[in-house]
Amino acid sequence: MVTSKYKCSKCGNTEYDSGEIRATGGFWTKIFNIQNRKFITLSCKKCGYTELYSKTGAKTAENILDFFTN
């Protein structure tokens, strides 16, 4: 993906890959392995530097599915 708005803070490259990761957020979510925190990742294609951005609005259905599939 190429965009003129993205610029790597380490090397200045403008090409990146994007993705998403999920993590637990507190004691009970760790105990039940419910990954209720979402983050968008942007990784520089040149140097690999990765930035995380919080993604708000986790869907209840996704949390329920995580509970039963983990």
C-alpha atoms as a PDB file:
ATOM      1  CA  MET A   1       0.000   0.000   0.000  1.00  0.00           C
ATOM      2  CA  VAL A   2       1.402   3.407  -0.905  1.00  0.00           C
ATOM      3  CA  THR A   3       0.134   6.714   0.354  1.00  0.00           C
ATOM      4  CA  SER A   4       1.566  10.205   0.529  1.00  0.00           C
ATOM      5  CA  LYS A   5       0.279  10.672   4.109  1.00  0.00           C
ATOM      6  CA  TYR A   6       2.380   7.877   5.656  1.00  0.00           C
ATOM      7  CA  LYS A   7       6.043   8.520   6.327  1.00  0.00           C
ATOM      8  CA  CYS A   8       8.156   6.188   8.461  1.00  0.00           C
ATOM      9  CA  SER A   9       9.537   8.055  11.463  1.00  0.00           C
ATOM     10  CA  LYS A  10      12.755   5.992  11.373  1.00  0.00           C
ATOM     11  CA  CYS A  11      13.816   5.979   7.694  1.00  0.00           C
ATOM     12  CA  GLY A  12      11.369   8.291   5.869  1.00  0.00           C
ATOM     13  CA  ASN A  13       9.993   5.581   3.548  1.00  0.00           C
ATOM     14  CA  THR A  14       6.393   5.985   2.332  1.00  0.00           C
ATOM     15  CA  GLU A  15       5.490   2.322   1.669  1.00  0.00           C
ATOM     16  CA  TYR A  16       3.934   0.204   4.405  1.00  0.00           C
ATOM     17  CA  ASP A  17       1.943  -2.912   5.215  1.00  0.00           C
ATOM     18  CA  SER A  18      -1.069  -2.683   7.508  1.00  0.00           C
ATOM     19  CA  GLY A  19      -2.570  -5.269   9.812  1.00  0.00           C
ATOM     20  CA  GLU A  20      -4.476  -5.805  13.025  1.00  0.00           C
ATOM     21  CA  ILE A  21      -3.620  -7.426  16.342  1.00  0.00           C
ATOM     22  CA  ARG A  22      -5.792  -8.210  19.347  1.00  0.00           C
ATOM     23  CA  ALA A  23      -4.802  -8.379  23.007  1.00  0.00           C
ATOM     24  CA  THR A  24      -6.349  -8.848  26.426  1.00  0.00           C
ATOM     25  CA  GLY A  25      -7.037  -5.724  28.445  1.00  0.00           C
ATOM     26  CA  GLY A  26      -7.414  -6.659  32.096  1.00  0.00           C
ATOM     27  CA  PHE A  27      -7.418  -9.329  34.766  1.00  0.00           C
ATOM     28  CA  TRP A  28     -10.642 -11.151  33.814  1.00  0.00           C
ATOM     29  CA  THR A  29      -9.970 -10.960  30.086  1.00  0.00           C
ATOM     30  CA  LYS A  30      -6.562 -12.539  30.739  1.00  0.00           C
ATOM     31  CA  ILE A  31      -8.092 -15.302  32.854  1.00  0.00           C
ATOM     32  CA  PHE A  32     -10.666 -16.171  30.164  1.00  0.00           C
ATOM     33  CA  ASN A  33      -8.345 -15.291  27.249  1.00  0.00           C
ATOM     34  CA  ILE A  34     -10.787 -12.759  25.783  1.00  0.00           C
ATOM     35  CA  GLN A  35      -8.941 -10.462  23.417  1.00  0.00           C
ATOM     36  CA  ASN A  36     -11.003  -7.302  23.717  1.00  0.00           C
ATOM     37  CA  ARG A  37      -8.348  -4.731  22.742  1.00  0.00           C
ATOM     38  CA  LYS A  38      -7.730  -4.095  19.024  1.00  0.00           C
ATOM     39  CA  PHE A  39      -4.791  -2.330  17.430  1.00  0.00           C
ATOM     40  CA  ILE A  40      -4.067  -1.332  13.839  1.00  0.00           C
ATOM     41  CA  THR A  41      -0.444  -1.896  12.796  1.00  0.00           C
ATOM     42  CA  LEU A  42       1.534   0.007  10.192  1.00  0.00           C
ATOM     43  CA  SER A  43       4.877  -1.585   9.298  1.00  0.00           C
ATOM     44  CA  CYS A  44       7.437   0.140   7.104  1.00  0.00           C
ATOM     45  CA  LYS A  45       8.319  -2.010   4.084  1.00  0.00           C
ATOM     46  CA  LYS A  46      11.917  -0.773   4.096  1.00  0.00           C
ATOM     47  CA  CYS A  47      13.090  -0.995   7.713  1.00  0.00           C
ATOM     48  CA  GLY A  48      10.244  -2.928   9.406  1.00  0.00           C
ATOM     49  CA  TYR A  49       9.519  -0.287  12.052  1.00  0.00           C
ATOM     50  CA  THR A  50       5.960  -0.874  13.296  1.00  0.00           C
ATOM     51  CA  GLU A  51       3.535   1.581  14.850  1.00  0.00           C
ATOM     52  CA  LEU A  52       0.407   0.561  16.790  1.00  0.00           C
ATOM     53  CA  TYR A  53      -2.807   2.567  16.818  1.00  0.00           C
ATOM     54  CA  SER A  54      -5.710   1.810  19.126  1.00  0.00           C
ATOM     55  CA  LYS A  55      -8.867   0.729  17.337  1.00  0.00           C
ATOM     56  CA  THR A  56     -11.950   1.526  19.407  1.00  0.00           C
ATOM     57  CA  GLY A  57     -15.341  -0.113  19.293  1.00  0.00           C
ATOM     58  CA  ALA A  58     -14.722  -3.838  19.775  1.00  0.00           C
ATOM     59  CA  LYS A  59     -17.847  -5.706  18.771  1.00  0.00           C
ATOM     60  CA  THR A  60     -19.640  -7.798  21.362  1.00  0.00           C
ATOM     61  CA  ALA A  61     -20.126 -10.668  18.900  1.00  0.00           C
ATOM     62  CA  GLU A  62     -16.366 -10.892  18.336  1.00  0.00           C
ATOM     63  CA  ASN A  63     -15.756 -11.013  22.109  1.00  0.00           C
ATOM     64  CA  ILE A  64     -18.337 -13.784  22.533  1.00  0.00           C
ATOM     65  CA  LEU A  65     -16.770 -15.768  19.680  1.00  0.00           C
ATOM     66  CA  ASP A  66     -13.319 -15.334  21.263  1.00  0.00           C
ATOM     67  CA  PHE A  67     -14.654 -16.653  24.569  1.00  0.00           C
ATOM     68  CA  PHE A  68     -16.001 -19.856  23.013  1.00  0.00           C
ATOM     69  CA  THR A  69     -13.161 -20.523  20.567  1.00  0.00           C
ATOM     70  CA  ASN A  70     -10.173 -19.978  22.875  1.00  0.00           C
END
